[in-house]
Amino acid sequence: MNVTLLGSVDADTLSKVAIPLYSESVPCGFPSPASGYEDTRLDLNELCIPRPSSTYMVRCDGDSMNGIGIYAGDILVVDRSIKPKHGDTVVAAVDGAFTVKTLALKPRVRLLPQNRQYAPIEFKDGSELQLFGVVTHLVRTMQR
């Protein structure tokens, strides 16, 4: 899955917009007769971008991460300040080409696609891997 850099986040230009957050969860299965009420307000910047100076966004292209719900056109929020660990979804450069994959550190370093049509990226002598951050959130526009 390829990525296109959309830009970094400028902490000075972030404005706070608090929108209603209802205390009741909405079931995705059978409807519930219980009705929720506005409990608090939520600022999406505070939720998705707690560290603006180390956060940037990329737009995805391709289908190698469909298995975990990342699709072409999705926007990923990426935080460079988080130390990547085994199982994290990361933005990486492999020999200079950017990609989004799941980081595997055990039993050896590999980048794993989440689509069985693609093979894991293995590293041999001379291969270059650079990690550019951990994906923390996903933004998707629901089409009408």
N, C-alpha and C. Protein backbone atom coordinates (compact mmCIF):
# COMPACT_ATOMS: atom_id res chain seq x y z
N MET A 1 0.85 -1.16 0.00
CA MET A 1 0.00 0.00 0.00
C MET A 1 0.90 1.22 0.00
N ASN A 2 0.73 2.07 -0.98
CA ASN A 2 1.51 3.30 -1.09
C ASN A 2 0.82 4.42 -0.33
N VAL A 3 1.60 5.43 0.03
CA VAL A 3 1.04 6.57 0.75
C VAL A 3 1.48 7.87 0.10
N THR A 4 0.66 8.89 0.21
CA THR A 4 0.97 10.23 -0.25
C THR A 4 0.91 11.16 0.94
N LEU A 5 1.98 11.90 1.18
CA LEU A 5 2.03 12.83 2.31
C LEU A 5 1.05 13.96 2.08
N LEU A 6 0.17 14.18 3.05
CA LEU A 6 -0.78 15.28 2.98
C LEU A 6 -0.26 16.50 3.71
N GLY A 7 0.60 16.30 4.69
CA GLY A 7 1.18 17.42 5.41
C GLY A 7 1.31 17.12 6.88
N SER A 8 2.07 17.98 7.54
CA SER A 8 2.23 17.84 8.98
C SER A 8 1.21 18.74 9.67
N VAL A 9 1.09 18.57 10.95
CA VAL A 9 0.13 19.33 11.73
C VAL A 9 0.84 20.49 12.39
N ASP A 10 0.30 21.70 12.21
CA ASP A 10 0.86 22.90 12.82
C ASP A 10 0.08 23.18 14.10
N ALA A 11 0.74 23.02 15.22
CA ALA A 11 0.07 23.18 16.52
C ALA A 11 -0.51 24.58 16.70
N ASP A 12 0.10 25.58 16.08
CA ASP A 12 -0.38 26.95 16.25
C ASP A 12 -1.69 27.21 15.51
N THR A 13 -1.98 26.41 14.49
CA THR A 13 -3.19 26.66 13.71
C THR A 13 -4.34 25.74 14.08
N LEU A 14 -4.11 24.80 15.00
CA LEU A 14 -5.20 23.92 15.43
C LEU A 14 -6.22 24.72 16.22
N SER A 15 -7.47 24.64 15.79
CA SER A 15 -8.52 25.29 16.56
C SER A 15 -9.32 24.22 17.28
N LYS A 16 -9.81 24.57 18.43
CA LYS A 16 -10.60 23.61 19.21
C LYS A 16 -12.05 23.70 18.77
N VAL A 17 -12.59 22.56 18.41
CA VAL A 17 -14.00 22.46 18.07
C VAL A 17 -14.54 21.27 18.83
N ALA A 18 -15.30 21.53 19.86
CA ALA A 18 -15.85 20.45 20.68
C ALA A 18 -17.24 20.10 20.15
N ILE A 19 -17.42 18.83 19.83
CA ILE A 19 -18.71 18.37 19.32
C ILE A 19 -19.32 17.42 20.35
N PRO A 20 -20.64 17.25 20.34
CA PRO A 20 -21.28 16.41 21.35
C PRO A 20 -20.80 14.96 21.29
N LEU A 21 -20.60 14.37 22.45
CA LEU A 21 -20.29 12.95 22.58
C LEU A 21 -21.34 12.37 23.50
N TYR A 22 -22.11 11.42 22.99
CA TYR A 22 -23.19 10.82 23.77
C TYR A 22 -22.65 9.67 24.60
N SER A 23 -23.18 9.51 25.79
CA SER A 23 -22.66 8.51 26.72
C SER A 23 -23.06 7.10 26.33
N GLU A 24 -24.16 6.93 25.64
CA GLU A 24 -24.61 5.60 25.21
C GLU A 24 -23.90 5.21 23.92
N SER A 25 -23.43 3.98 23.86
CA SER A 25 -22.88 3.45 22.61
C SER A 25 -24.03 3.14 21.67
N VAL A 26 -23.77 3.20 20.38
CA VAL A 26 -24.78 2.86 19.38
C VAL A 26 -24.49 1.45 18.89
N PRO A 27 -25.43 0.51 19.08
CA PRO A 27 -25.19 -0.87 18.65
C PRO A 27 -25.11 -0.96 17.13
N CYS A 28 -24.21 -1.77 16.66
CA CYS A 28 -24.11 -2.03 15.23
C CYS A 28 -24.93 -3.26 14.86
N GLY A 29 -25.51 -3.90 15.83
CA GLY A 29 -26.33 -5.08 15.59
C GLY A 29 -27.79 -4.74 15.79
N PHE A 30 -28.42 -5.41 16.74
CA PHE A 30 -29.85 -5.23 17.00
C PHE A 30 -30.09 -3.90 17.70
N PRO A 31 -31.08 -3.11 17.25
CA PRO A 31 -31.33 -1.81 17.87
C PRO A 31 -31.69 -1.91 19.34
N SER A 32 -31.28 -0.92 20.11
CA SER A 32 -31.57 -0.87 21.54
C SER A 32 -32.60 0.23 21.80
N PRO A 33 -33.60 -0.04 22.65
CA PRO A 33 -34.58 1.00 22.96
C PRO A 33 -34.04 2.08 23.89
N ALA A 34 -32.87 1.85 24.48
CA ALA A 34 -32.29 2.83 25.39
C ALA A 34 -31.86 4.06 24.60
N SER A 35 -32.14 5.22 25.14
CA SER A 35 -31.74 6.44 24.45
C SER A 35 -30.65 7.13 25.26
N GLY A 36 -29.59 7.51 24.56
CA GLY A 36 -28.48 8.17 25.22
C GLY A 36 -28.73 9.66 25.30
N TYR A 37 -27.87 10.32 25.99
CA TYR A 37 -27.95 11.77 26.08
C TYR A 37 -26.54 12.30 26.01
N GLU A 38 -26.45 13.58 25.62
CA GLU A 38 -25.14 14.20 25.51
C GLU A 38 -24.50 14.24 26.89
N ASP A 39 -23.34 13.60 27.00
CA ASP A 39 -22.66 13.49 28.28
C ASP A 39 -21.53 14.50 28.40
N THR A 40 -20.84 14.71 27.31
CA THR A 40 -19.68 15.59 27.32
C THR A 40 -19.45 16.08 25.91
N ARG A 41 -18.37 16.81 25.71
CA ARG A 41 -18.01 17.27 24.37
C ARG A 41 -16.62 16.73 24.06
N LEU A 42 -16.38 16.52 22.78
CA LEU A 42 -15.15 15.89 22.33
C LEU A 42 -14.51 16.75 21.25
N ASP A 43 -13.23 17.04 21.40
CA ASP A 43 -12.46 17.76 20.39
C ASP A 43 -11.64 16.72 19.64
N LEU A 44 -11.89 16.59 18.34
CA LEU A 44 -11.19 15.57 17.55
C LEU A 44 -9.69 15.84 17.47
N ASN A 45 -9.28 17.11 17.54
CA ASN A 45 -7.84 17.40 17.55
C ASN A 45 -7.18 16.82 18.79
N GLU A 46 -7.83 16.98 19.95
CA GLU A 46 -7.27 16.43 21.18
C GLU A 46 -7.24 14.91 21.15
N LEU A 47 -8.26 14.30 20.55
CA LEU A 47 -8.33 12.84 20.48
C LEU A 47 -7.30 12.27 19.51
N CYS A 48 -7.22 12.84 18.32
CA CYS A 48 -6.41 12.25 17.25
C CYS A 48 -5.00 12.82 17.15
N ILE A 49 -4.78 14.01 17.69
CA ILE A 49 -3.48 14.67 17.51
C ILE A 49 -2.97 15.19 18.86
N PRO A 50 -2.65 14.30 19.79
CA PRO A 50 -2.18 14.77 21.10
C PRO A 50 -0.78 15.40 21.04
N ARG A 51 0.00 15.07 20.02
CA ARG A 51 1.34 15.62 19.86
C ARG A 51 1.47 16.23 18.46
N PRO A 52 0.93 17.43 18.24
CA PRO A 52 0.90 18.01 16.90
C PRO A 52 2.27 18.14 16.24
N SER A 53 3.31 18.45 16.99
CA SER A 53 4.62 18.68 16.38
C SER A 53 5.23 17.40 15.81
N SER A 54 4.75 16.24 16.22
CA SER A 54 5.30 14.99 15.69
C SER A 54 4.27 14.21 14.88
N THR A 55 3.18 14.87 14.49
CA THR A 55 2.10 14.19 13.79
C THR A 55 1.99 14.68 12.36
N TYR A 56 1.72 13.76 11.45
CA TYR A 56 1.44 14.11 10.06
C TYR A 56 0.38 13.16 9.53
N MET A 57 -0.12 13.45 8.33
CA MET A 57 -1.16 12.62 7.73
C MET A 57 -0.75 12.18 6.34
N VAL A 58 -1.18 10.98 5.97
CA VAL A 58 -0.93 10.45 4.63
C VAL A 58 -2.22 9.88 4.07
N ARG A 59 -2.34 9.92 2.74
CA ARG A 59 -3.47 9.29 2.07
C ARG A 59 -2.99 7.96 1.48
N CYS A 60 -3.79 6.92 1.64
CA CYS A 60 -3.43 5.57 1.21
C CYS A 60 -3.84 5.30 -0.23
N ASP A 61 -3.08 4.42 -0.86
CA ASP A 61 -3.40 3.93 -2.20
C ASP A 61 -3.02 2.46 -2.23
N GLY A 62 -3.89 1.61 -2.72
CA GLY A 62 -3.61 0.18 -2.79
C GLY A 62 -4.51 -0.62 -1.87
N ASP A 63 -4.31 -1.95 -1.88
CA ASP A 63 -5.20 -2.83 -1.11
C ASP A 63 -4.47 -3.80 -0.20
N SER A 64 -3.19 -3.58 0.05
CA SER A 64 -2.42 -4.54 0.85
C SER A 64 -2.77 -4.52 2.34
N MET A 65 -3.53 -3.53 2.79
CA MET A 65 -3.89 -3.44 4.22
C MET A 65 -5.39 -3.57 4.44
N ASN A 66 -6.11 -4.02 3.43
CA ASN A 66 -7.57 -4.17 3.54
C ASN A 66 -7.98 -5.08 4.69
N GLY A 67 -7.16 -6.06 5.03
CA GLY A 67 -7.50 -7.02 6.08
C GLY A 67 -7.68 -6.40 7.46
N ILE A 68 -7.11 -5.22 7.67
CA ILE A 68 -7.32 -4.54 8.96
C ILE A 68 -8.14 -3.26 8.77
N GLY A 69 -8.80 -3.16 7.63
CA GLY A 69 -9.73 -2.05 7.42
C GLY A 69 -9.12 -0.76 6.92
N ILE A 70 -7.93 -0.82 6.32
CA ILE A 70 -7.33 0.36 5.69
C ILE A 70 -7.50 0.19 4.19
N TYR A 71 -8.18 1.17 3.57
CA TYR A 71 -8.52 1.08 2.15
C TYR A 71 -7.95 2.27 1.39
N ALA A 72 -7.85 2.10 0.06
CA ALA A 72 -7.40 3.18 -0.81
C ALA A 72 -8.27 4.41 -0.57
N GLY A 73 -7.64 5.56 -0.45
CA GLY A 73 -8.35 6.81 -0.20
C GLY A 73 -8.43 7.19 1.26
N ASP A 74 -8.20 6.23 2.16
CA ASP A 74 -8.23 6.54 3.59
C ASP A 74 -7.08 7.49 3.95
N ILE A 75 -7.30 8.29 4.97
CA ILE A 75 -6.27 9.17 5.49
C ILE A 75 -5.82 8.61 6.84
N LEU A 76 -4.52 8.44 6.99
CA LEU A 76 -3.96 7.91 8.23
C LEU A 76 -3.30 9.04 9.01
N VAL A 77 -3.54 9.06 10.31
CA VAL A 77 -2.85 9.98 11.21
C VAL A 77 -1.65 9.21 11.76
N VAL A 78 -0.47 9.79 11.61
CA VAL A 78 0.78 9.10 11.95
C VAL A 78 1.55 9.93 12.97
N ASP A 79 2.03 9.26 14.02
CA ASP A 79 2.79 9.94 15.08
C ASP A 79 4.23 9.43 15.07
N ARG A 80 5.16 10.34 14.79
CA ARG A 80 6.59 9.99 14.75
C ARG A 80 7.19 9.81 16.13
N SER A 81 6.53 10.30 17.18
CA SER A 81 7.12 10.25 18.51
C SER A 81 6.90 8.91 19.21
N ILE A 82 6.06 8.06 18.66
CA ILE A 82 5.79 6.75 19.27
C ILE A 82 6.84 5.75 18.80
N LYS A 83 7.46 5.06 19.74
CA LYS A 83 8.44 4.03 19.38
C LYS A 83 7.69 2.82 18.82
N PRO A 84 7.96 2.44 17.57
CA PRO A 84 7.25 1.31 16.97
C PRO A 84 7.55 0.01 17.71
N LYS A 85 6.51 -0.81 17.88
CA LYS A 85 6.70 -2.12 18.51
C LYS A 85 6.05 -3.19 17.63
N HIS A 86 6.34 -4.42 17.96
CA HIS A 86 5.82 -5.57 17.21
C HIS A 86 4.30 -5.47 17.10
N GLY A 87 3.79 -5.57 15.88
CA GLY A 87 2.35 -5.54 15.65
C GLY A 87 1.77 -4.18 15.31
N ASP A 88 2.57 -3.11 15.44
CA ASP A 88 2.08 -1.77 15.10
C ASP A 88 1.93 -1.63 13.59
N THR A 89 0.99 -0.81 13.18
CA THR A 89 0.88 -0.40 11.78
C THR A 89 1.76 0.82 11.63
N VAL A 90 2.69 0.77 10.67
CA VAL A 90 3.69 1.83 10.53
C VAL A 90 3.75 2.35 9.10
N VAL A 91 4.25 3.57 8.98
CA VAL A 91 4.65 4.11 7.69
C VAL A 91 6.15 3.89 7.62
N ALA A 92 6.59 3.24 6.55
CA ALA A 92 8.01 2.89 6.42
C ALA A 92 8.49 3.19 5.01
N ALA A 93 9.79 3.35 4.89
CA ALA A 93 10.43 3.45 3.57
C ALA A 93 11.32 2.23 3.42
N VAL A 94 11.09 1.49 2.36
CA VAL A 94 11.89 0.31 2.05
C VAL A 94 12.69 0.63 0.79
N ASP A 95 14.00 0.73 0.95
CA ASP A 95 14.88 1.12 -0.15
C ASP A 95 14.36 2.39 -0.83
N GLY A 96 13.86 3.33 -0.02
CA GLY A 96 13.42 4.63 -0.52
C GLY A 96 11.96 4.72 -0.94
N ALA A 97 11.23 3.61 -0.99
CA ALA A 97 9.82 3.62 -1.40
C ALA A 97 8.94 3.53 -0.16
N PHE A 98 7.97 4.44 -0.04
CA PHE A 98 7.10 4.48 1.13
C PHE A 98 5.98 3.46 1.05
N THR A 99 5.63 2.93 2.23
CA THR A 99 4.56 1.94 2.32
C THR A 99 3.95 1.97 3.72
N VAL A 100 2.76 1.40 3.84
CA VAL A 100 2.12 1.18 5.14
C VAL A 100 2.01 -0.32 5.32
N LYS A 101 2.51 -0.83 6.45
CA LYS A 101 2.47 -2.27 6.72
C LYS A 101 2.44 -2.48 8.24
N THR A 102 2.22 -3.73 8.63
CA THR A 102 2.30 -4.12 10.03
C THR A 102 3.74 -4.52 10.32
N LEU A 103 4.31 -3.96 11.37
CA LEU A 103 5.70 -4.24 11.74
C LEU A 103 5.78 -5.54 12.52
N ALA A 104 6.61 -6.45 12.05
CA ALA A 104 6.90 -7.69 12.78
C ALA A 104 8.36 -7.63 13.22
N LEU A 105 8.60 -7.85 14.49
CA LEU A 105 9.97 -7.86 15.02
C LEU A 105 10.41 -9.25 15.43
N LYS A 106 9.46 -10.18 15.51
CA LYS A 106 9.74 -11.55 15.94
C LYS A 106 9.29 -12.52 14.86
N PRO A 107 9.99 -13.50 14.50
CA PRO A 107 11.34 -13.85 14.95
C PRO A 107 12.42 -13.00 14.29
N ARG A 108 12.03 -12.21 13.26
CA ARG A 108 12.97 -11.31 12.59
C ARG A 108 12.18 -10.11 12.09
N VAL A 109 12.87 -9.06 11.72
CA VAL A 109 12.20 -7.85 11.24
C VAL A 109 11.61 -8.10 9.85
N ARG A 110 10.31 -7.84 9.74
CA ARG A 110 9.60 -7.94 8.46
C ARG A 110 8.48 -6.91 8.46
N LEU A 111 8.00 -6.58 7.28
CA LEU A 111 6.81 -5.75 7.13
C LEU A 111 5.73 -6.63 6.52
N LEU A 112 4.60 -6.71 7.22
CA LEU A 112 3.55 -7.65 6.82
C LEU A 112 2.36 -6.93 6.21
N PRO A 113 1.97 -7.34 4.99
CA PRO A 113 0.73 -6.83 4.43
C PRO A 113 -0.44 -7.51 5.15
N GLN A 114 -1.60 -6.93 5.07
CA GLN A 114 -2.80 -7.53 5.66
C GLN A 114 -3.78 -7.90 4.55
N ASN A 115 -3.23 -8.58 3.55
CA ASN A 115 -3.98 -9.08 2.41
C ASN A 115 -3.19 -10.28 1.89
N ARG A 116 -3.81 -11.43 1.84
CA ARG A 116 -3.09 -12.66 1.47
C ARG A 116 -2.57 -12.66 0.04
N GLN A 117 -2.97 -11.70 -0.75
CA GLN A 117 -2.47 -11.62 -2.13
C GLN A 117 -1.05 -11.06 -2.19
N TYR A 118 -0.55 -10.59 -1.07
CA TYR A 118 0.78 -9.97 -1.03
C TYR A 118 1.69 -10.74 -0.08
N ALA A 119 2.97 -10.76 -0.43
CA ALA A 119 3.98 -11.43 0.40
C ALA A 119 4.57 -10.45 1.41
N PRO A 120 5.01 -10.95 2.56
CA PRO A 120 5.72 -10.09 3.51
C PRO A 120 6.98 -9.50 2.88
N ILE A 121 7.38 -8.35 3.36
CA ILE A 121 8.63 -7.74 2.91
C ILE A 121 9.72 -8.21 3.85
N GLU A 122 10.65 -8.97 3.29
CA GLU A 122 11.78 -9.51 4.05
C GLU A 122 13.00 -8.62 3.79
N PHE A 123 13.94 -8.60 4.72
CA PHE A 123 15.11 -7.76 4.58
C PHE A 123 16.37 -8.60 4.49
N LYS A 124 17.15 -8.31 3.47
CA LYS A 124 18.42 -9.00 3.24
C LYS A 124 19.54 -7.99 3.44
N ASP A 125 20.77 -8.47 3.42
CA ASP A 125 21.91 -7.56 3.52
C ASP A 125 21.82 -6.52 2.42
N GLY A 126 21.99 -5.27 2.80
CA GLY A 126 21.94 -4.18 1.83
C GLY A 126 20.57 -3.54 1.71
N SER A 127 19.53 -4.18 2.24
CA SER A 127 18.19 -3.58 2.23
C SER A 127 18.15 -2.45 3.24
N GLU A 128 17.41 -1.41 2.90
CA GLU A 128 17.29 -0.28 3.82
C GLU A 128 15.85 -0.13 4.28
N LEU A 129 15.65 -0.08 5.60
CA LEU A 129 14.34 0.13 6.20
C LEU A 129 14.41 1.35 7.10
N GLN A 130 13.51 2.30 6.87
CA GLN A 130 13.37 3.46 7.75
C GLN A 130 11.92 3.51 8.19
N LEU A 131 11.70 3.67 9.49
CA LEU A 131 10.36 3.79 10.03
C LEU A 131 10.06 5.27 10.24
N PHE A 132 8.90 5.71 9.75
CA PHE A 132 8.53 7.12 9.79
C PHE A 132 7.36 7.41 10.72
N GLY A 133 6.95 6.43 11.50
CA GLY A 133 5.91 6.68 12.49
C GLY A 133 4.91 5.57 12.59
N VAL A 134 4.12 5.64 13.65
CA VAL A 134 3.09 4.65 13.95
C VAL A 134 1.73 5.26 13.61
N VAL A 135 0.92 4.48 12.91
CA VAL A 135 -0.43 4.92 12.57
C VAL A 135 -1.28 4.88 13.84
N THR A 136 -1.91 6.00 14.18
CA THR A 136 -2.70 6.09 15.40
C THR A 136 -4.20 6.18 15.13
N HIS A 137 -4.58 6.76 14.01
CA HIS A 137 -5.99 6.93 13.69
C HIS A 137 -6.19 6.84 12.18
N LEU A 138 -7.42 6.60 11.80
CA LEU A 138 -7.80 6.50 10.39
C LEU A 138 -9.00 7.42 10.16
N VAL A 139 -8.98 8.15 9.05
CA VAL A 139 -10.09 9.02 8.67
C VAL A 139 -10.64 8.51 7.35
N ARG A 140 -11.93 8.27 7.33
CA ARG A 140 -12.57 7.79 6.09
C ARG A 140 -13.87 8.54 5.89
N THR A 141 -14.08 9.00 4.68
CA THR A 141 -15.33 9.64 4.33
C THR A 141 -16.32 8.56 3.92
N MET A 142 -17.48 8.56 4.55
CA MET A 142 -18.53 7.60 4.22
C MET A 142 -19.31 8.18 3.04
N GLN A 143 -19.30 7.47 1.93
CA GLN A 143 -19.97 7.95 0.72
C GLN A 143 -21.47 7.82 0.83
N ARG A 144 -22.20 8.74 0.19
CA ARG A 144 -23.66 8.69 0.16
C ARG A 144 -24.10 8.18 -1.18
